[in-house]
C-alpha atoms as a PDB file:
ATOM      1  CA  MET A   1     228.614 229.253  53.816  1.00  0.00           C
ATOM      2  CA  LEU A   2     231.081 232.152  53.397  1.00  0.00           C
ATOM      3  CA  VAL A   3     234.600 231.079  53.060  1.00  0.00           C
ATOM      4  CA  LEU A   4     237.322 233.628  53.653  1.00  0.00           C
ATOM      5  CA  GLN A   5     240.799 233.469  52.139  1.00  0.00           C
ATOM      6  CA  LEU A   6     243.161 235.287  54.425  1.00  0.00           C
ATOM      7  CA  GLN A   7     246.543 236.443  53.152  1.00  0.00           C
ATOM      8  CA  GLY A   8     249.459 238.613  54.267  1.00  0.00           C
ATOM      9  CA  ASP A   9     250.314 239.978  57.648  1.00  0.00           C
ATOM     10  CA  THR A  10     247.292 239.415  59.827  1.00  0.00           C
ATOM     11  CA  LEU A  11     247.289 239.499  63.674  1.00  0.00           C
ATOM     12  CA  ASN A  12     251.088 239.355  63.712  1.00  0.00           C
ATOM     13  CA  GLN A  13     251.176 236.075  61.767  1.00  0.00           C
ATOM     14  CA  ARG A  14     252.346 235.798  58.170  1.00  0.00           C
ATOM     15  CA  TYR A  15     250.723 233.329  55.791  1.00  0.00           C
ATOM     16  CA  GLN A  16     252.672 232.380  52.724  1.00  0.00           C
ATOM     17  CA  THR A  17     249.549 230.838  51.143  1.00  0.00           C
ATOM     18  CA  PRO A  18     245.819 231.557  51.627  1.00  0.00           C
ATOM     19  CA  VAL A  19     244.315 230.097  54.759  1.00  0.00           C
ATOM     20  CA  THR A  20     240.774 228.720  54.666  1.00  0.00           C
ATOM     21  CA  LEU A  21     239.029 229.000  57.961  1.00  0.00           C
ATOM     22  CA  ALA A  22     237.468 225.648  58.976  1.00  0.00           C
ATOM     23  CA  PRO A  23     235.257 224.704  61.934  1.00  0.00           C
ATOM     24  CA  VAL A  24     237.050 223.555  65.042  1.00  0.00           C
ATOM     25  CA  PRO A  25     235.923 220.243  66.581  1.00  0.00           C
ATOM     26  CA  GLY A  26     234.183 220.829  69.903  1.00  0.00           C
ATOM     27  CA  PHE A  27     233.445 224.508  69.264  1.00  0.00           C
ATOM     28  CA  HIS A  28     229.663 223.871  69.091  1.00  0.00           C
ATOM     29  CA  SER A  29     229.571 221.778  72.319  1.00  0.00           C
ATOM     30  CA  VAL A  30     229.976 224.799  74.601  1.00  0.00           C
ATOM     31  CA  PRO A  31     228.381 228.100  73.530  1.00  0.00           C
ATOM     32  CA  MET A  32     230.876 230.963  73.398  1.00  0.00           C
ATOM     33  CA  THR A  33     230.208 234.672  73.207  1.00  0.00           C
ATOM     34  CA  ASP A  34     231.471 236.753  70.365  1.00  0.00           C
ATOM     35  CA  ALA A  35     233.846 238.446  72.707  1.00  0.00           C
ATOM     36  CA  THR A  36     235.278 235.059  73.744  1.00  0.00           C
ATOM     37  CA  LEU A  37     235.820 234.039  70.103  1.00  0.00           C
ATOM     38  CA  VAL A  38     237.464 237.323  69.318  1.00  0.00           C
ATOM     39  CA  ARG A  39     239.869 236.760  72.224  1.00  0.00           C
ATOM     40  CA  ARG A  40     240.654 233.299  70.836  1.00  0.00           C
ATOM     41  CA  VAL A  41     241.443 234.676  67.438  1.00  0.00           C
ATOM     42  CA  LEU A  42     243.693 237.310  68.940  1.00  0.00           C
ATOM     43  CA  ASP A  43     245.469 234.653  70.930  1.00  0.00           C
ATOM     44  CA  GLY A  44     246.370 232.932  67.748  1.00  0.00           C
ATOM     45  CA  ASP A  45     243.493 230.557  67.190  1.00  0.00           C
ATOM     46  CA  THR A  46     242.537 231.980  63.789  1.00  0.00           C
ATOM     47  CA  ALA A  47     240.096 229.124  63.070  1.00  0.00           C
ATOM     48  CA  ALA A  48     237.817 230.579  65.787  1.00  0.00           C
ATOM     49  CA  PHE A  49     236.886 233.301  63.294  1.00  0.00           C
ATOM     50  CA  THR A  50     234.775 230.876  61.347  1.00  0.00           C
ATOM     51  CA  MET A  51     232.314 230.771  64.253  1.00  0.00           C
ATOM     52  CA  LEU A  52     231.876 234.568  64.033  1.00  0.00           C
ATOM     53  CA  VAL A  53     231.318 234.246  60.286  1.00  0.00           C
ATOM     54  CA  ASP A  54     228.717 231.467  60.831  1.00  0.00           C
ATOM     55  CA  ARG A  55     226.866 233.620  63.366  1.00  0.00           C
ATOM     56  CA  HIS A  56     226.734 236.860  61.421  1.00  0.00           C
ATOM     57  CA  ALA A  57     227.022 236.057  57.631  1.00  0.00           C
ATOM     58  CA  ALA A  58     223.279 235.607  57.151  1.00  0.00           C
ATOM     59  CA  ALA A  59     222.346 238.949  58.672  1.00  0.00           C
ATOM     60  CA  CYS A  60     225.104 240.710  56.890  1.00  0.00           C
ATOM     61  CA  THR A  61     224.121 239.252  53.534  1.00  0.00           C
ATOM     62  CA  ARG A  62     220.469 240.102  54.111  1.00  0.00           C
ATOM     63  CA  PHE A  63     221.260 243.759  54.845  1.00  0.00           C
ATOM     64  CA  ALA A  64     223.666 244.016  51.906  1.00  0.00           C
ATOM     65  CA  MET A  65     221.129 242.464  49.504  1.00  0.00           C
ATOM     66  CA  ARG A  66     218.486 244.921  50.534  1.00  0.00           C
ATOM     67  CA  MET A  67     220.877 247.828  50.258  1.00  0.00           C
ATOM     68  CA  LEU A  68     222.497 246.855  46.949  1.00  0.00           C
ATOM     69  CA  GLY A  69     219.762 244.804  45.265  1.00  0.00           C
ATOM     70  CA  ASN A  70     222.233 242.438  43.692  1.00  0.00           C
ATOM     71  CA  ARG A  71     223.535 239.191  45.096  1.00  0.00           C
ATOM     72  CA  GLU A  72     227.008 239.374  43.582  1.00  0.00           C
ATOM     73  CA  ASP A  73     227.534 242.947  44.848  1.00  0.00           C
ATOM     74  CA  ALA A  74     226.123 242.021  48.253  1.00  0.00           C
ATOM     75  CA  GLU A  75     228.362 238.948  48.588  1.00  0.00           C
ATOM     76  CA  ASP A  76     231.364 240.971  47.596  1.00  0.00           C
ATOM     77  CA  ALA A  77     230.535 243.570  50.193  1.00  0.00           C
ATOM     78  CA  VAL A  78     230.102 240.926  52.931  1.00  0.00           C
ATOM     79  CA  GLN A  79     233.241 239.133  51.959  1.00  0.00           C
ATOM     80  CA  ASP A  80     235.184 242.430  52.043  1.00  0.00           C
ATOM     81  CA  SER A  81     233.634 243.297  55.436  1.00  0.00           C
ATOM     82  CA  PHE A  82     234.625 240.045  57.045  1.00  0.00           C
ATOM     83  CA  LEU A  83     238.166 240.312  55.685  1.00  0.00           C
ATOM     84  CA  ARG A  84     238.447 243.880  56.948  1.00  0.00           C
ATOM     85  CA  ALA A  85     237.062 242.839  60.305  1.00  0.00           C
ATOM     86  CA  TYR A  86     239.568 240.012  60.606  1.00  0.00           C
ATOM     87  CA  ARG A  87     242.462 242.290  59.818  1.00  0.00           C
ATOM     88  CA  SER A  88     241.243 244.935  62.200  1.00  0.00           C
ATOM     89  CA  LEU A  89     240.240 242.588  64.976  1.00  0.00           C
ATOM     90  CA  ALA A  90     242.923 243.847  67.353  1.00  0.00           C
ATOM     91  CA  ARG A  91     241.146 247.230  67.423  1.00  0.00           C
ATOM     92  CA  TYR A  92     237.829 245.759  68.460  1.00  0.00           C
ATOM     93  CA  GLU A  93     236.786 246.825  71.981  1.00  0.00           C
ATOM     94  CA  GLU A  94     234.553 244.479  73.977  1.00  0.00           C
ATOM     95  CA  ARG A  95     232.411 247.333  75.348  1.00  0.00           C
ATOM     96  CA  GLN A  96     230.851 247.403  71.887  1.00  0.00           C
ATOM     97  CA  ALA A  97     228.762 244.479  70.644  1.00  0.00           C
ATOM     98  CA  PHE A  98     230.681 242.624  67.927  1.00  0.00           C
ATOM     99  CA  ARG A  99     227.607 242.661  65.650  1.00  0.00           C
ATOM    100  CA  THR A 100     227.431 246.472  65.865  1.00  0.00           C
ATOM    101  CA  TRP A 101     231.175 246.818  65.137  1.00  0.00           C
ATOM    102  CA  LEU A 102     230.826 244.476  62.163  1.00  0.00           C
ATOM    103  CA  PHE A 103     227.851 246.370  60.794  1.00  0.00           C
ATOM    104  CA  GLN A 104     229.856 249.586  61.043  1.00  0.00           C
ATOM    105  CA  ILE A 105     232.286 248.003  58.593  1.00  0.00           C
ATOM    106  CA  LEU A 106     229.530 246.581  56.416  1.00  0.00           C
ATOM    107  CA  VAL A 107     227.569 249.861  56.205  1.00  0.00           C
ATOM    108  CA  ASN A 108     230.710 251.598  54.910  1.00  0.00           C
ATOM    109  CA  ARG A 109     231.335 248.889  52.333  1.00  0.00           C
ATOM    110  CA  CYS A 110     227.703 249.066  51.138  1.00  0.00           C
ATOM    111  CA  ARG A 111     227.916 252.798  50.867  1.00  0.00           C
ATOM    112  CA  THR A 112     231.000 252.503  48.777  1.00  0.00           C
ATOM    113  CA  ALA A 113     229.497 249.880  46.557  1.00  0.00           C
ATOM    114  CA  ALA A 114     226.266 252.015  46.065  1.00  0.00           C
ATOM    115  CA  VAL A 115     228.300 255.006  45.032  1.00  0.00           C
ATOM    116  CA  ARG A 116     230.115 252.875  42.363  1.00  0.00           C
ATOM    117  CA  ARG A 117     226.870 251.720  40.913  1.00  0.00           C
ATOM    118  CA  GLN A 118     224.452 254.564  41.556  1.00  0.00           C
ATOM    119  CA  ARG A 119     223.886 255.149  37.877  1.00  0.00           C
ATOM    120  CA  ARG A 120     222.478 251.664  37.450  1.00  0.00           C
ATOM    121  CA  GLN A 121     218.947 250.672  38.024  1.00  0.00           C
ATOM    122  CA  ARG A 122     218.488 248.975  41.381  1.00  0.00           C
ATOM    123  CA  MET A 123     215.675 246.754  42.741  1.00  0.00           C
ATOM    124  CA  PHE A 124     215.546 246.360  46.558  1.00  0.00           C
ATOM    125  CA  LEU A 125     214.156 243.339  48.367  1.00  0.00           C
ATOM    126  CA  VAL A 126     211.578 243.576  51.072  1.00  0.00           C
ATOM    127  CA  ASP A 127     210.046 241.052  53.333  1.00  0.00           C
ATOM    128  CA  ASP A 128     207.055 240.789  55.715  1.00  0.00           C
ATOM    129  CA  THR A 129     209.243 241.958  58.632  1.00  0.00           C
ATOM    130  CA  ALA A 130     209.949 245.261  56.898  1.00  0.00           C
ATOM    131  CA  VAL A 131     206.328 245.637  55.810  1.00  0.00           C
ATOM    132  CA  ALA A 132     204.915 245.058  59.276  1.00  0.00           C
ATOM    133  CA  SER A 133     207.433 247.352  60.939  1.00  0.00           C
ATOM    134  CA  ALA A 134     206.496 250.124  58.558  1.00  0.00           C
ATOM    135  CA  SER A 135     202.834 249.644  59.444  1.00  0.00           C
ATOM    136  CA  VAL A 136     201.961 248.959  55.845  1.00  0.00           C
ATOM    137  CA  ARG A 137     200.462 245.474  56.228  1.00  0.00           C
ATOM    138  CA  PRO A 138     198.018 245.879  53.289  1.00  0.00           C
ATOM    139  CA  ALA A 139     201.018 245.469  51.020  1.00  0.00           C
ATOM    140  CA  ALA A 140     201.447 241.904  52.267  1.00  0.00           C
ATOM    141  CA  GLU A 141     198.022 241.092  50.871  1.00  0.00           C
ATOM    142  CA  SER A 142     198.564 242.242  47.369  1.00  0.00           C
ATOM    143  CA  THR A 143     201.138 241.597  44.677  1.00  0.00           C
ATOM    144  CA  GLU A 144     200.518 244.968  43.192  1.00  0.00           C
ATOM    145  CA  LEU A 145     200.987 246.740  46.503  1.00  0.00           C
ATOM    146  CA  ARG A 146     204.156 244.667  47.173  1.00  0.00           C
ATOM    147  CA  ALA A 147     205.512 245.947  43.857  1.00  0.00           C
ATOM    148  CA  GLU A 148     204.630 249.547  44.933  1.00  0.00           C
ATOM    149  CA  LEU A 149     206.403 248.996  48.279  1.00  0.00           C
ATOM    150  CA  ARG A 150     209.513 247.833  46.438  1.00  0.00           C
ATOM    151  CA  ARG A 151     209.391 250.990  44.324  1.00  0.00           C
ATOM    152  CA  ALA A 152     208.911 253.075  47.441  1.00  0.00           C
ATOM    153  CA  ILE A 153     211.981 251.518  49.036  1.00  0.00           C
ATOM    154  CA  ASP A 154     213.844 252.127  45.801  1.00  0.00           C
ATOM    155  CA  ALA A 155     212.730 255.773  45.859  1.00  0.00           C
ATOM    156  CA  LEU A 156     213.973 256.375  49.390  1.00  0.00           C
ATOM    157  CA  ASP A 157     217.078 258.431  49.837  1.00  0.00           C
ATOM    158  CA  PRO A 158     220.031 256.025  50.568  1.00  0.00           C
ATOM    159  CA  ASP A 159     220.305 257.399  54.077  1.00  0.00           C
ATOM    160  CA  GLN A 160     216.694 256.732  54.811  1.00  0.00           C
ATOM    161  CA  ARG A 161     216.825 253.250  53.289  1.00  0.00           C
ATOM    162  CA  GLU A 162     219.914 252.434  55.315  1.00  0.00           C
ATOM    163  CA  ALA A 163     218.295 253.615  58.581  1.00  0.00           C
ATOM    164  CA  PHE A 164     215.017 251.854  57.875  1.00  0.00           C
ATOM    165  CA  LEU A 165     216.661 248.501  57.175  1.00  0.00           C
ATOM    166  CA  LEU A 166     218.985 248.688  60.185  1.00  0.00           C
ATOM    167  CA  LYS A 167     216.090 249.516  62.527  1.00  0.00           C
ATOM    168  CA  HIS A 168     213.103 247.513  61.152  1.00  0.00           C
ATOM    169  CA  VAL A 169     214.794 244.505  59.533  1.00  0.00           C
ATOM    170  CA  GLU A 170     218.094 243.983  61.388  1.00  0.00           C
ATOM    171  CA  GLN A 171     216.489 245.141  64.659  1.00  0.00           C
ATOM    172  CA  LEU A 172     219.412 247.307  65.833  1.00  0.00           C
ATOM    173  CA  SER A 173     218.701 249.776  68.623  1.00  0.00           C
ATOM    174  CA  TYR A 174     219.126 253.455  67.809  1.00  0.00           C
ATOM    175  CA  ASP A 175     222.331 253.543  69.848  1.00  0.00           C
ATOM    176  CA  GLU A 176     223.724 250.529  67.928  1.00  0.00           C
ATOM    177  CA  MET A 177     222.705 252.204  64.675  1.00  0.00           C
ATOM    178  CA  ALA A 178     224.506 255.356  65.709  1.00  0.00           C
ATOM    179  CA  GLU A 179     227.671 253.338  66.324  1.00  0.00           C
ATOM    180  CA  ALA A 180     227.334 251.515  63.091  1.00  0.00           C
ATOM    181  CA  THR A 181     226.690 254.520  60.904  1.00  0.00           C
ATOM    182  CA  GLY A 182     228.354 257.425  62.698  1.00  0.00           C
ATOM    183  CA  VAL A 183     225.052 259.328  62.636  1.00  0.00           C
ATOM    184  CA  GLY A 184     223.358 260.754  65.721  1.00  0.00           C
ATOM    185  CA  VAL A 185     220.309 259.076  67.272  1.00  0.00           C
ATOM    186  CA  SER A 186     217.995 262.047  66.576  1.00  0.00           C
ATOM    187  CA  ALA A 187     218.931 262.094  62.972  1.00  0.00           C
ATOM    188  CA  LEU A 188     218.486 258.359  62.638  1.00  0.00           C
ATOM    189  CA  LYS A 189     215.024 258.539  64.196  1.00  0.00           C
ATOM    190  CA  MET A 190     214.035 261.251  61.747  1.00  0.00           C
ATOM    191  CA  ARG A 191     215.321 259.176  58.798  1.00  0.00           C
ATOM    192  CA  VAL A 192     213.326 256.119  59.942  1.00  0.00           C
ATOM    193  CA  LYS A 193     210.236 258.169  60.411  1.00  0.00           C
ATOM    194  CA  ARG A 194     210.523 259.873  57.062  1.00  0.00           C
ATOM    195  CA  ALA A 195     211.142 256.537  55.370  1.00  0.00           C
ATOM    196  CA  CYS A 196     207.996 255.003  56.890  1.00  0.00           C
ATOM    197  CA  ASP A 197     205.975 258.142  56.137  1.00  0.00           C
ATOM    198  CA  ARG A 198     207.059 258.032  52.556  1.00  0.00           C
ATOM    199  CA  MET A 199     206.097 254.393  52.062  1.00  0.00           C
ATOM    200  CA  GLN A 200     202.733 254.950  53.836  1.00  0.00           C
ATOM    201  CA  TRP A 201     202.003 257.930  51.581  1.00  0.00           C
ATOM    202  CA  LEU A 202     202.867 256.141  48.436  1.00  0.00           C
ATOM    203  CA  LEU A 203     200.738 253.134  49.351  1.00  0.00           C
ATOM    204  CA  ARG A 204     197.809 255.389  50.196  1.00  0.00           C
ATOM    205  CA  GLU A 205     198.143 256.966  46.779  1.00  0.00           C
ATOM    206  CA  VAL A 206     198.071 253.642  45.137  1.00  0.00           C
ATOM    207  CA  SER A 207     195.081 252.557  47.145  1.00  0.00           C
ATOM    208  CA  ASP A 208     193.156 255.704  46.273  1.00  0.00           C
ATOM    209  CA  VAL A 209     193.892 255.202  42.559  1.00  0.00           C
ATOM    210  CA  GLY A 210     192.498 251.661  42.787  1.00  0.00           C
ATOM    211  CA  THR A 211     189.191 252.698  44.411  1.00  0.00           C
END
């Protein structure tokens, strides 16, 4: 479980020592929407933020891992994203899904992390969901083709990789992706298509070589 240490002036409250967010008794008895939890935090109930962390940490970590290929870097990006979200919560607008707003922060943190380590070799993770969504199911049947698929994802331009993962793994709509990335829907559709085409092309090449 992700534990956030919050310091400084946050939501008009000053903490002299780090505050560890802990579950609040009774929170799980009545389901609450993300927007309700945000309002509780803004009303001074800072412990409510732990519910938002519990709900979204797994998806954020999954995305960051696939973008950065390194658990330590991914966890740093997620930790930083939640801290930034907490400190900026007063600017959140309920017309936008909290997950989309959070991913907007996370995407930017992953981009920054990727730039810092772009000279290092990176290996990206892939799962059956991504494989199926890209219509490359044969890769799921073969260790060799799985390795080729990983190399294909590694070979994608960062923009294509980002769009592919948001669409086919995190299951965001194109409108949500546009909000999270600041990129237009048409451009995002083209990036996803090119990413899928690239992986299909590479896998066909590998299959032809093996026949």
